[in-house]
């Protein structure tokens, strides 16, 4: 079922994950007020010129996409959360590193929206 908004997506996830998604949404919106909320690939996302940040809830983790490719220091810091393709996976069983996710959003905005 396609979602029309972030809120529609959030309504369909478990309450513990919903709180984390709202925290990510609030953080990205505060750091990048020019970015607009949207749904892309049926996930909550943010757009500024183009879609640059996606996030979604899964059974055991929160995923953040796409992979960062241009900030070597941040890529190293994200190593514990990176999957094989570089996408980020934050386990629901651990505290969400919201400040780090905010830095990811800023880095992805630089990578995808400065072109």
PDB file of N, CA and C in Angstrom:
ATOM      1  N   UNK A   1       0.837  -1.183   0.000  1.00  0.00           N
ATOM      2  CA  UNK A   1       0.000   0.000   0.000  1.00  0.00           C
ATOM      3  C   UNK A   1       0.879   1.243   0.000  1.00  0.00           C
ATOM      4  N   UNK A   2       0.718   2.128  -0.953  1.00  0.00           N
ATOM      5  CA  UNK A   2       1.523   3.351  -0.986  1.00  0.00           C
ATOM      6  C   UNK A   2       1.115   4.320   0.128  1.00  0.00           C
ATOM      7  N   UNK A   3       2.096   4.978   0.692  1.00  0.00           N
ATOM      8  CA  UNK A   3       1.852   5.949   1.759  1.00  0.00           C
ATOM      9  C   UNK A   3       1.805   7.356   1.176  1.00  0.00           C
ATOM     10  N   UNK A   4       0.933   8.192   1.732  1.00  0.00           N
ATOM     11  CA  UNK A   4       0.765   9.559   1.240  1.00  0.00           C
ATOM     12  C   UNK A   4       1.624  10.560   2.011  1.00  0.00           C
ATOM     13  N   UNK A   5       2.082  10.187   3.204  1.00  0.00           N
ATOM     14  CA  UNK A   5       2.838  11.129   4.036  1.00  0.00           C
ATOM     15  C   UNK A   5       3.694  10.355   5.032  1.00  0.00           C
ATOM     16  N   UNK A   6       4.600  11.094   5.672  1.00  0.00           N
ATOM     17  CA  UNK A   6       5.392  10.480   6.737  1.00  0.00           C
ATOM     18  C   UNK A   6       4.459   9.934   7.819  1.00  0.00           C
ATOM     19  N   UNK A   7       3.470  10.727   8.193  1.00  0.00           N
ATOM     20  CA  UNK A   7       2.568  10.335   9.265  1.00  0.00           C
ATOM     21  C   UNK A   7       1.806   9.056   8.922  1.00  0.00           C
ATOM     22  N   UNK A   8       1.393   8.912   7.676  1.00  0.00           N
ATOM     23  CA  UNK A   8       0.705   7.686   7.262  1.00  0.00           C
ATOM     24  C   UNK A   8       1.645   6.488   7.399  1.00  0.00           C
ATOM     25  N   UNK A   9       2.900   6.650   7.029  1.00  0.00           N
ATOM     26  CA  UNK A   9       3.885   5.576   7.191  1.00  0.00           C
ATOM     27  C   UNK A   9       4.067   5.257   8.671  1.00  0.00           C
ATOM     28  N   UNK A  10       4.265   6.294   9.490  1.00  0.00           N
ATOM     29  CA  UNK A  10       4.519   6.105  10.915  1.00  0.00           C
ATOM     30  C   UNK A  10       3.361   5.358  11.589  1.00  0.00           C
ATOM     31  N   UNK A  11       2.149   5.621  11.148  1.00  0.00           N
ATOM     32  CA  UNK A  11       0.972   4.995  11.760  1.00  0.00           C
ATOM     33  C   UNK A  11       0.993   3.476  11.613  1.00  0.00           C
ATOM     34  N   UNK A  12       1.704   2.977  10.640  1.00  0.00           N
ATOM     35  CA  UNK A  12       1.730   1.542  10.387  1.00  0.00           C
ATOM     36  C   UNK A  12       2.871   0.790  11.042  1.00  0.00           C
ATOM     37  N   UNK A  13       3.706   1.478  11.822  1.00  0.00           N
ATOM     38  CA  UNK A  13       4.843   0.790  12.453  1.00  0.00           C
ATOM     39  C   UNK A  13       4.602   0.654  13.954  1.00  0.00           C
ATOM     40  N   UNK A  14       5.352  -0.226  14.586  1.00  0.00           N
ATOM     41  CA  UNK A  14       5.243  -0.452  16.026  1.00  0.00           C
ATOM     42  C   UNK A  14       5.530   0.840  16.792  1.00  0.00           C
ATOM     43  N   UNK A  15       4.868   1.052  17.914  1.00  0.00           N
ATOM     44  CA  UNK A  15       5.038   2.304  18.674  1.00  0.00           C
ATOM     45  C   UNK A  15       6.485   2.630  19.032  1.00  0.00           C
ATOM     46  N   UNK A  16       7.281   1.626  19.392  1.00  0.00           N
ATOM     47  CA  UNK A  16       8.678   1.914  19.764  1.00  0.00           C
ATOM     48  C   UNK A  16       9.472   2.411  18.557  1.00  0.00           C
ATOM     49  N   UNK A  17       9.198   1.888  17.387  1.00  0.00           N
ATOM     50  CA  UNK A  17       9.871   2.360  16.171  1.00  0.00           C
ATOM     51  C   UNK A  17       9.316   3.711  15.738  1.00  0.00           C
ATOM     52  N   UNK A  18       8.028   3.928  15.915  1.00  0.00           N
ATOM     53  CA  UNK A  18       7.392   5.196  15.526  1.00  0.00           C
ATOM     54  C   UNK A  18       8.077   6.371  16.210  1.00  0.00           C
ATOM     55  N   UNK A  19       8.339   6.225  17.487  1.00  0.00           N
ATOM     56  CA  UNK A  19       8.995   7.291  18.254  1.00  0.00           C
ATOM     57  C   UNK A  19      10.370   7.610  17.663  1.00  0.00           C
ATOM     58  N   UNK A  20      11.100   6.601  17.265  1.00  0.00           N
ATOM     59  CA  UNK A  20      12.432   6.794  16.683  1.00  0.00           C
ATOM     60  C   UNK A  20      12.337   7.474  15.318  1.00  0.00           C
ATOM     61  N   UNK A  21      11.354   7.082  14.510  1.00  0.00           N
ATOM     62  CA  UNK A  21      11.165   7.715  13.201  1.00  0.00           C
ATOM     63  C   UNK A  21      10.821   9.190  13.348  1.00  0.00           C
ATOM     64  N   UNK A  22       9.967   9.502  14.305  1.00  0.00           N
ATOM     65  CA  UNK A  22       9.606  10.911  14.547  1.00  0.00           C
ATOM     66  C   UNK A  22      10.840  11.690  14.976  1.00  0.00           C
ATOM     67  N   UNK A  23      11.686  11.078  15.784  1.00  0.00           N
ATOM     68  CA  UNK A  23      12.920  11.727  16.217  1.00  0.00           C
ATOM     69  C   UNK A  23      13.836  12.019  15.028  1.00  0.00           C
ATOM     70  N   UNK A  24      13.950  11.082  14.115  1.00  0.00           N
ATOM     71  CA  UNK A  24      14.760  11.298  12.911  1.00  0.00           C
ATOM     72  C   UNK A  24      14.148  12.412  12.067  1.00  0.00           C
ATOM     73  N   UNK A  25      12.848  12.358  11.862  1.00  0.00           N
ATOM     74  CA  UNK A  25      12.164  13.384  11.059  1.00  0.00           C
ATOM     75  C   UNK A  25      12.384  14.774  11.650  1.00  0.00           C
ATOM     76  N   UNK A  26      12.230  14.902  12.965  1.00  0.00           N
ATOM     77  CA  UNK A  26      12.399  16.190  13.648  1.00  0.00           C
ATOM     78  C   UNK A  26      13.832  16.697  13.512  1.00  0.00           C
ATOM     79  N   UNK A  27      14.784  15.804  13.676  1.00  0.00           N
ATOM     80  CA  UNK A  27      16.201  16.172  13.583  1.00  0.00           C
ATOM     81  C   UNK A  27      16.552  16.666  12.182  1.00  0.00           C
ATOM     82  N   UNK A  28      16.170  15.920  11.172  1.00  0.00           N
ATOM     83  CA  UNK A  28      16.489  16.317   9.796  1.00  0.00           C
ATOM     84  C   UNK A  28      15.800  17.638   9.454  1.00  0.00           C
ATOM     85  N   UNK A  29      14.545  17.789   9.839  1.00  0.00           N
ATOM     86  CA  UNK A  29      13.813  19.029   9.544  1.00  0.00           C
ATOM     87  C   UNK A  29      14.446  20.230  10.238  1.00  0.00           C
ATOM     88  N   UNK A  30      14.958  20.034  11.446  1.00  0.00           N
ATOM     89  CA  UNK A  30      15.578  21.164  12.146  1.00  0.00           C
ATOM     90  C   UNK A  30      16.941  21.523  11.552  1.00  0.00           C
ATOM     91  N   UNK A  31      17.692  20.526  11.108  1.00  0.00           N
ATOM     92  CA  UNK A  31      19.017  20.782  10.519  1.00  0.00           C
ATOM     93  C   UNK A  31      18.931  21.317   9.092  1.00  0.00           C
ATOM     94  N   UNK A  32      17.894  20.908   8.365  1.00  0.00           N
ATOM     95  CA  UNK A  32      17.751  21.275   6.957  1.00  0.00           C
ATOM     96  C   UNK A  32      16.326  21.789   6.706  1.00  0.00           C
ATOM     97  N   UNK A  33      16.016  22.976   7.222  1.00  0.00           N
ATOM     98  CA  UNK A  33      14.633  23.477   7.113  1.00  0.00           C
ATOM     99  C   UNK A  33      14.163  23.682   5.676  1.00  0.00           C
ATOM    100  N   UNK A  34      15.079  23.793   4.741  1.00  0.00           N
ATOM    101  CA  UNK A  34      14.692  23.962   3.337  1.00  0.00           C
ATOM    102  C   UNK A  34      14.272  22.650   2.683  1.00  0.00           C
ATOM    103  N   UNK A  35      14.561  21.537   3.340  1.00  0.00           N
ATOM    104  CA  UNK A  35      14.209  20.215   2.797  1.00  0.00           C
ATOM    105  C   UNK A  35      12.727  19.935   3.038  1.00  0.00           C
ATOM    106  N   UNK A  36      12.098  19.353   2.043  1.00  0.00           N
ATOM    107  CA  UNK A  36      10.678  19.029   2.132  1.00  0.00           C
ATOM    108  C   UNK A  36      10.503  17.547   2.418  1.00  0.00           C
ATOM    109  N   UNK A  37       9.520  17.231   3.241  1.00  0.00           N
ATOM    110  CA  UNK A  37       9.161  15.843   3.482  1.00  0.00           C
ATOM    111  C   UNK A  37       8.517  15.273   2.226  1.00  0.00           C
ATOM    112  N   UNK A  38       8.781  14.012   1.962  1.00  0.00           N
ATOM    113  CA  UNK A  38       8.140  13.336   0.844  1.00  0.00           C
ATOM    114  C   UNK A  38       8.163  11.836   1.106  1.00  0.00           C
ATOM    115  N   UNK A  39       7.498  11.101   0.250  1.00  0.00           N
ATOM    116  CA  UNK A  39       7.563   9.640   0.269  1.00  0.00           C
ATOM    117  C   UNK A  39       8.221   9.231  -1.046  1.00  0.00           C
ATOM    118  N   UNK A  40       9.229   8.389  -0.956  1.00  0.00           N
ATOM    119  CA  UNK A  40       9.918   7.898  -2.141  1.00  0.00           C
ATOM    120  C   UNK A  40      10.257   6.437  -1.893  1.00  0.00           C
ATOM    121  N   UNK A  41      10.053   5.595  -2.893  1.00  0.00           N
ATOM    122  CA  UNK A  41      10.209   4.148  -2.720  1.00  0.00           C
ATOM    123  C   UNK A  41       9.358   3.659  -1.548  1.00  0.00           C
ATOM    124  N   UNK A  42       8.243   4.323  -1.324  1.00  0.00           N
ATOM    125  CA  UNK A  42       7.275   3.995  -0.272  1.00  0.00           C
ATOM    126  C   UNK A  42       7.879   4.107   1.134  1.00  0.00           C
ATOM    127  N   UNK A  43       8.886   4.973   1.272  1.00  0.00           N
ATOM    128  CA  UNK A  43       9.524   5.243   2.566  1.00  0.00           C
ATOM    129  C   UNK A  43       9.479   6.736   2.828  1.00  0.00           C
ATOM    130  N   UNK A  44       9.491   7.152   4.099  1.00  0.00           N
ATOM    131  CA  UNK A  44       9.655   8.573   4.403  1.00  0.00           C
ATOM    132  C   UNK A  44      11.005   9.042   3.869  1.00  0.00           C
ATOM    133  N   UNK A  45      11.009  10.243   3.334  1.00  0.00           N
ATOM    134  CA  UNK A  45      12.240  10.775   2.742  1.00  0.00           C
ATOM    135  C   UNK A  45      12.230  12.298   2.847  1.00  0.00           C
ATOM    136  N   UNK A  46      13.356  12.897   2.509  1.00  0.00           N
ATOM    137  CA  UNK A  46      13.474  14.350   2.420  1.00  0.00           C
ATOM    138  C   UNK A  46      14.034  14.707   1.057  1.00  0.00           C
ATOM    139  N   UNK A  47      13.555  15.827   0.525  1.00  0.00           N
ATOM    140  CA  UNK A  47      13.937  16.297  -0.797  1.00  0.00           C
ATOM    141  C   UNK A  47      14.383  17.760  -0.710  1.00  0.00           C
ATOM    142  N   UNK A  48      15.456  18.062  -1.420  1.00  0.00           N
ATOM    143  CA  UNK A  48      15.925  19.438  -1.624  1.00  0.00           C
ATOM    144  C   UNK A  48      16.600  19.395  -2.990  1.00  0.00           C
ATOM    145  N   UNK A  49      15.962  19.890  -4.001  1.00  0.00           N
ATOM    146  CA  UNK A  49      16.335  19.710  -5.408  1.00  0.00           C
ATOM    147  C   UNK A  49      16.050  18.277  -5.846  1.00  0.00           C
ATOM    148  N   UNK A  50      16.500  17.305  -5.057  1.00  0.00           N
ATOM    149  CA  UNK A  50      16.240  15.884  -5.318  1.00  0.00           C
ATOM    150  C   UNK A  50      16.160  15.155  -3.980  1.00  0.00           C
ATOM    151  N   UNK A  51      15.649  13.957  -4.001  1.00  0.00           N
ATOM    152  CA  UNK A  51      15.555  13.178  -2.766  1.00  0.00           C
ATOM    153  C   UNK A  51      16.971  12.785  -2.347  1.00  0.00           C
ATOM    154  N   UNK A  52      17.295  13.050  -1.075  1.00  0.00           N
ATOM    155  CA  UNK A  52      18.651  12.785  -0.613  1.00  0.00           C
ATOM    156  C   UNK A  52      18.717  11.925   0.649  1.00  0.00           C
ATOM    157  N   UNK A  53      17.594  11.710   1.334  1.00  0.00           N
ATOM    158  CA  UNK A  53      17.615  11.002   2.616  1.00  0.00           C
ATOM    159  C   UNK A  53      16.338  10.187   2.757  1.00  0.00           C
ATOM    160  N   UNK A  54      16.495   8.898   2.996  1.00  0.00           N
ATOM    161  CA  UNK A  54      15.378   7.981   3.203  1.00  0.00           C
ATOM    162  C   UNK A  54      15.570   7.317   4.558  1.00  0.00           C
ATOM    163  N   UNK A  55      14.470   7.015   5.224  1.00  0.00           N
ATOM    164  CA  UNK A  55      14.561   6.262   6.474  1.00  0.00           C
ATOM    165  C   UNK A  55      13.316   5.402   6.621  1.00  0.00           C
ATOM    166  N   UNK A  56      13.477   4.257   7.284  1.00  0.00           N
ATOM    167  CA  UNK A  56      12.368   3.319   7.377  1.00  0.00           C
ATOM    168  C   UNK A  56      12.546   2.404   8.579  1.00  0.00           C
ATOM    169  N   UNK A  57      11.419   1.879   9.070  1.00  0.00           N
ATOM    170  CA  UNK A  57      11.438   0.952  10.196  1.00  0.00           C
ATOM    171  C   UNK A  57      11.291  -0.478   9.692  1.00  0.00           C
ATOM    172  N   UNK A  58      12.037  -1.352  10.306  1.00  0.00           N
ATOM    173  CA  UNK A  58      11.963  -2.776  10.022  1.00  0.00           C
ATOM    174  C   UNK A  58      11.766  -3.507  11.348  1.00  0.00           C
ATOM    175  N   UNK A  59      11.639  -4.788  11.298  1.00  0.00           N
ATOM    176  CA  UNK A  59      11.329  -5.563  12.497  1.00  0.00           C
ATOM    177  C   UNK A  59      12.352  -5.351  13.614  1.00  0.00           C
ATOM    178  N   UNK A  60      13.641  -5.296  13.243  1.00  0.00           N
ATOM    179  CA  UNK A  60      14.684  -5.206  14.269  1.00  0.00           C
ATOM    180  C   UNK A  60      15.593  -3.990  14.147  1.00  0.00           C
ATOM    181  N   UNK A  61      15.334  -3.131  13.161  1.00  0.00           N
ATOM    182  CA  UNK A  61      16.221  -1.981  12.990  1.00  0.00           C
ATOM    183  C   UNK A  61      15.520  -0.824  12.281  1.00  0.00           C
ATOM    184  N   UNK A  62      16.191   0.334  12.322  1.00  0.00           N
ATOM    185  CA  UNK A  62      15.823   1.497  11.519  1.00  0.00           C
ATOM    186  C   UNK A  62      16.871   1.591  10.418  1.00  0.00           C
ATOM    187  N   UNK A  63      16.435   1.699   9.177  1.00  0.00           N
ATOM    188  CA  UNK A  63      17.355   1.822   8.050  1.00  0.00           C
ATOM    189  C   UNK A  63      17.431   3.256   7.580  1.00  0.00           C
ATOM    190  N   UNK A  64      18.624   3.675   7.174  1.00  0.00           N
ATOM    191  CA  UNK A  64      18.857   5.013   6.607  1.00  0.00           C
ATOM    192  C   UNK A  64      19.594   4.817   5.292  1.00  0.00           C
ATOM    193  N   UNK A  65      19.126   5.508   4.258  1.00  0.00           N
ATOM    194  CA  UNK A  65      19.627   5.345   2.890  1.00  0.00           C
ATOM    195  C   UNK A  65      19.753   6.699   2.219  1.00  0.00           C
ATOM    196  N   UNK A  66      20.475   6.837   1.150  1.00  0.00           N
ATOM    197  CA  UNK A  66      21.457   5.932   0.546  1.00  0.00           C
ATOM    198  C   UNK A  66      22.783   6.010   1.300  1.00  0.00           C
ATOM    199  N   UNK A  67      23.764   5.218   0.897  1.00  0.00           N
ATOM    200  CA  UNK A  67      25.062   5.255   1.574  1.00  0.00           C
ATOM    201  C   UNK A  67      25.789   6.575   1.331  1.00  0.00           C
ATOM    202  N   UNK A  68      26.538   6.993   2.317  1.00  0.00           N
ATOM    203  CA  UNK A  68      27.423   8.153   2.161  1.00  0.00           C
ATOM    204  C   UNK A  68      28.651   7.671   1.402  1.00  0.00           C
ATOM    205  N   UNK A  69      29.129   8.479   0.465  1.00  0.00           N
ATOM    206  CA  UNK A  69      30.296   8.063  -0.325  1.00  0.00           C
ATOM    207  C   UNK A  69      31.441   9.072  -0.323  1.00  0.00           C
ATOM    208  N   UNK A  70      31.218  10.280   0.199  1.00  0.00           N
ATOM    209  CA  UNK A  70      32.241  11.310   0.029  1.00  0.00           C
ATOM    210  C   UNK A  70      32.867  11.830   1.318  1.00  0.00           C
ATOM    211  N   UNK A  71      32.428  11.394   2.473  1.00  0.00           N
ATOM    212  CA  UNK A  71      32.972  11.889   3.739  1.00  0.00           C
ATOM    213  C   UNK A  71      33.659  10.714   4.441  1.00  0.00           C
ATOM    214  N   UNK A  72      34.958  10.565   4.195  1.00  0.00           N
ATOM    215  CA  UNK A  72      35.700   9.397   4.686  1.00  0.00           C
ATOM    216  C   UNK A  72      35.667   9.277   6.203  1.00  0.00           C
ATOM    217  N   UNK A  73      35.796  10.386   6.908  1.00  0.00           N
ATOM    218  CA  UNK A  73      35.788  10.332   8.376  1.00  0.00           C
ATOM    219  C   UNK A  73      34.438   9.854   8.891  1.00  0.00           C
ATOM    220  N   UNK A  74      33.372  10.356   8.315  1.00  0.00           N
ATOM    221  CA  UNK A  74      32.030   9.949   8.738  1.00  0.00           C
ATOM    222  C   UNK A  74      31.773   8.485   8.363  1.00  0.00           C
ATOM    223  N   UNK A  75      32.237   8.072   7.199  1.00  0.00           N
ATOM    224  CA  UNK A  75      32.087   6.673   6.784  1.00  0.00           C
ATOM    225  C   UNK A  75      32.760   5.752   7.802  1.00  0.00           C
ATOM    226  N   UNK A  76      33.936   6.108   8.264  1.00  0.00           N
ATOM    227  CA  UNK A  76      34.632   5.301   9.284  1.00  0.00           C
ATOM    228  C   UNK A  76      33.845   5.270  10.590  1.00  0.00           C
ATOM    229  N   UNK A  77      33.304   6.401  10.978  1.00  0.00           N
ATOM    230  CA  UNK A  77      32.523   6.475  12.221  1.00  0.00           C
ATOM    231  C   UNK A  77      31.253   5.624  12.138  1.00  0.00           C
ATOM    232  N   UNK A  78      30.717   5.484  10.935  1.00  0.00           N
ATOM    233  CA  UNK A  78      29.490   4.722  10.721  1.00  0.00           C
ATOM    234  C   UNK A  78      29.728   3.222  10.558  1.00  0.00           C
ATOM    235  N   UNK A  79      30.973   2.788  10.577  1.00  0.00           N
ATOM    236  CA  UNK A  79      31.306   1.383  10.316  1.00  0.00           C
ATOM    237  C   UNK A  79      30.452   0.381  11.096  1.00  0.00           C
ATOM    238  N   UNK A  80      30.168   0.609  12.377  1.00  0.00           N
ATOM    239  CA  UNK A  80      29.373  -0.391  13.107  1.00  0.00           C
ATOM    240  C   UNK A  80      27.938  -0.543  12.589  1.00  0.00           C
ATOM    241  N   UNK A  81      27.467   0.433  11.829  1.00  0.00           N
ATOM    242  CA  UNK A  81      26.081   0.433  11.357  1.00  0.00           C
ATOM    243  C   UNK A  81      25.948   0.138   9.861  1.00  0.00           C
ATOM    244  N   UNK A  82      27.068   0.075   9.156  1.00  0.00           N
ATOM    245  CA  UNK A  82      27.027  -0.089   7.701  1.00  0.00           C
ATOM    246  C   UNK A  82      26.834  -1.540   7.290  1.00  0.00           C
ATOM    247  N   UNK A  83      25.934  -1.729   6.326  1.00  0.00           N
ATOM    248  CA  UNK A  83      25.746  -3.048   5.736  1.00  0.00           C
ATOM    249  C   UNK A  83      26.680  -3.232   4.558  1.00  0.00           C
ATOM    250  N   UNK A  84      26.533  -4.338   3.856  1.00  0.00           N
ATOM    251  CA  UNK A  84      27.400  -4.665   2.721  1.00  0.00           C
ATOM    252  C   UNK A  84      27.408  -3.585   1.647  1.00  0.00           C
ATOM    253  N   UNK A  85      26.263  -2.975   1.399  1.00  0.00           N
ATOM    254  CA  UNK A  85      26.162  -1.958   0.351  1.00  0.00           C
ATOM    255  C   UNK A  85      26.339  -0.543   0.888  1.00  0.00           C
ATOM    256  N   UNK A  86      26.635  -0.419   2.177  1.00  0.00           N
ATOM    257  CA  UNK A  86      26.860   0.887   2.773  1.00  0.00           C
ATOM    258  C   UNK A  86      25.630   1.504   3.414  1.00  0.00           C
ATOM    259  N   UNK A  87      24.460   0.875   3.233  1.00  0.00           N
ATOM    260  CA  UNK A  87      23.265   1.397   3.879  1.00  0.00           C
ATOM    261  C   UNK A  87      23.397   1.227   5.387  1.00  0.00           C
ATOM    262  N   UNK A  88      22.737   2.082   6.140  1.00  0.00           N
ATOM    263  CA  UNK A  88      22.876   2.083   7.587  1.00  0.00           C
ATOM    264  C   UNK A  88      21.722   1.346   8.254  1.00  0.00           C
ATOM    265  N   UNK A  89      22.054   0.604   9.283  1.00  0.00           N
ATOM    266  CA  UNK A  89      21.076  -0.172  10.029  1.00  0.00           C
ATOM    267  C   UNK A  89      21.313   0.075  11.518  1.00  0.00           C
ATOM    268  N   UNK A  90      20.327   0.706  12.182  1.00  0.00           N
ATOM    269  CA  UNK A  90      20.426   1.032  13.592  1.00  0.00           C
ATOM    270  C   UNK A  90      19.498   0.093  14.369  1.00  0.00           C
ATOM    271  N   UNK A  91      20.063  -0.843  15.137  1.00  0.00           N
ATOM    272  CA  UNK A  91      19.238  -1.827  15.841  1.00  0.00           C
ATOM    273  C   UNK A  91      18.255  -1.174  16.813  1.00  0.00           C
ATOM    274  N   UNK A  92      17.044  -1.689  16.841  1.00  0.00           N
ATOM    275  CA  UNK A  92      16.037  -1.179  17.778  1.00  0.00           C
ATOM    276  C   UNK A  92      16.410  -1.506  19.215  1.00  0.00           C
ATOM    277  N   UNK A  93      17.283  -2.465  19.410  1.00  0.00           N
ATOM    278  CA  UNK A  93      17.693  -2.882  20.753  1.00  0.00           C
ATOM    279  C   UNK A  93      18.752  -1.964  21.372  1.00  0.00           C
ATOM    280  N   UNK A  94      19.220  -0.972  20.598  1.00  0.00           N
ATOM    281  CA  UNK A  94      20.249  -0.047  21.085  1.00  0.00           C
ATOM    282  C   UNK A  94      19.720   1.380  21.018  1.00  0.00           C
ATOM    283  N   UNK A  95      20.279   2.296  21.836  1.00  0.00           N
ATOM    284  CA  UNK A  95      19.863   3.698  21.729  1.00  0.00           C
ATOM    285  C   UNK A  95      20.168   4.237  20.327  1.00  0.00           C
ATOM    286  N   UNK A  96      19.250   5.026  19.815  1.00  0.00           N
ATOM    287  CA  UNK A  96      19.421   5.592  18.478  1.00  0.00           C
ATOM    288  C   UNK A  96      20.417   6.754  18.533  1.00  0.00           C
ATOM    289  N   UNK A  97      21.497   6.716  17.746  1.00  0.00           N
ATOM    290  CA  UNK A  97      22.475   7.816  17.751  1.00  0.00           C
ATOM    291  C   UNK A  97      21.969   8.980  16.882  1.00  0.00           C
ATOM    292  N   UNK A  98      21.024   9.729  17.423  1.00  0.00           N
ATOM    293  CA  UNK A  98      20.321  10.740  16.637  1.00  0.00           C
ATOM    294  C   UNK A  98      21.244  11.849  16.138  1.00  0.00           C
ATOM    295  N   UNK A  99      22.238  12.228  16.933  1.00  0.00           N
ATOM    296  CA  UNK A  99      23.172  13.261  16.484  1.00  0.00           C
ATOM    297  C   UNK A  99      23.952  12.755  15.271  1.00  0.00           C
ATOM    298  N   UNK A 100      24.359  11.511  15.307  1.00  0.00           N
ATOM    299  CA  UNK A 100      25.084  10.902  14.189  1.00  0.00           C
ATOM    300  C   UNK A 100      24.194  10.836  12.943  1.00  0.00           C
ATOM    301  N   UNK A 101      22.942  10.474  13.122  1.00  0.00           N
ATOM    302  CA  UNK A 101      22.014  10.421  11.992  1.00  0.00           C
ATOM    303  C   UNK A 101      21.807  11.818  11.414  1.00  0.00           C
ATOM    304  N   UNK A 102      21.786  12.832  12.252  1.00  0.00           N
ATOM    305  CA  UNK A 102      21.708  14.209  11.759  1.00  0.00           C
ATOM    306  C   UNK A 102      22.910  14.561  10.897  1.00  0.00           C
ATOM    307  N   UNK A 103      24.081  14.133  11.321  1.00  0.00           N
ATOM    308  CA  UNK A 103      25.282  14.376  10.520  1.00  0.00           C
ATOM    309  C   UNK A 103      25.231  13.632   9.201  1.00  0.00           C
ATOM    310  N   UNK A 104      24.629  12.435   9.220  1.00  0.00           N
ATOM    311  CA  UNK A 104      24.441  11.667   7.982  1.00  0.00           C
ATOM    312  C   UNK A 104      23.536  12.461   7.033  1.00  0.00           C
ATOM    313  N   UNK A 105      22.445  12.998   7.550  1.00  0.00           N
ATOM    314  CA  UNK A 105      21.525  13.783   6.717  1.00  0.00           C
ATOM    315  C   UNK A 105      22.240  14.979   6.099  1.00  0.00           C
ATOM    316  N   UNK A 106      23.031  15.670   6.889  1.00  0.00           N
ATOM    317  CA  UNK A 106      23.775  16.830   6.355  1.00  0.00           C
ATOM    318  C   UNK A 106      24.756  16.391   5.267  1.00  0.00           C
ATOM    319  N   UNK A 107      25.462  15.286   5.492  1.00  0.00           N
ATOM    320  CA  UNK A 107      26.420  14.790   4.499  1.00  0.00           C
ATOM    321  C   UNK A 107      25.713  14.375   3.215  1.00  0.00           C
ATOM    322  N   UNK A 108      24.586  13.685   3.335  1.00  0.00           N
ATOM    323  CA  UNK A 108      23.843  13.270   2.142  1.00  0.00           C
ATOM    324  C   UNK A 108      23.286  14.484   1.400  1.00  0.00           C
ATOM    325  N   UNK A 109      22.858  15.492   2.131  1.00  0.00           N
ATOM    326  CA  UNK A 109      22.378  16.724   1.493  1.00  0.00           C
ATOM    327  C   UNK A 109      23.512  17.348   0.679  1.00  0.00           C
ATOM    328  N   UNK A 110      24.703  17.414   1.265  1.00  0.00           N
ATOM    329  CA  UNK A 110      25.865  17.961   0.532  1.00  0.00           C
ATOM    330  C   UNK A 110      26.147  17.138  -0.728  1.00  0.00           C
ATOM    331  N   UNK A 111      26.113  15.813  -0.601  1.00  0.00           N
ATOM    332  CA  UNK A 111      26.432  14.931  -1.733  1.00  0.00           C
ATOM    333  C   UNK A 111      25.416  15.021  -2.862  1.00  0.00           C
ATOM    334  N   UNK A 112      24.132  15.023  -2.517  1.00  0.00           N
ATOM    335  CA  UNK A 112      23.099  14.885  -3.530  1.00  0.00           C
ATOM    336  C   UNK A 112      22.475  16.193  -3.995  1.00  0.00           C
ATOM    337  N   UNK A 113      22.594  17.240  -3.216  1.00  0.00           N
ATOM    338  CA  UNK A 113      21.882  18.472  -3.555  1.00  0.00           C
ATOM    339  C   UNK A 113      22.791  19.611  -3.984  1.00  0.00           C
ATOM    340  N   UNK A 114      24.089  19.397  -3.956  1.00  0.00           N
ATOM    341  CA  UNK A 114      25.010  20.453  -4.368  1.00  0.00           C
ATOM    342  C   UNK A 114      25.376  20.353  -5.835  1.00  0.00           C
ATOM    343  N   UNK A 115      24.814  19.362  -6.524  1.00  0.00           N
ATOM    344  CA  UNK A 115      25.147  19.148  -7.942  1.00  0.00           C
ATOM    345  C   UNK A 115      24.357  20.085  -8.825  1.00  0.00           C
TER     346      UNK A 115
END
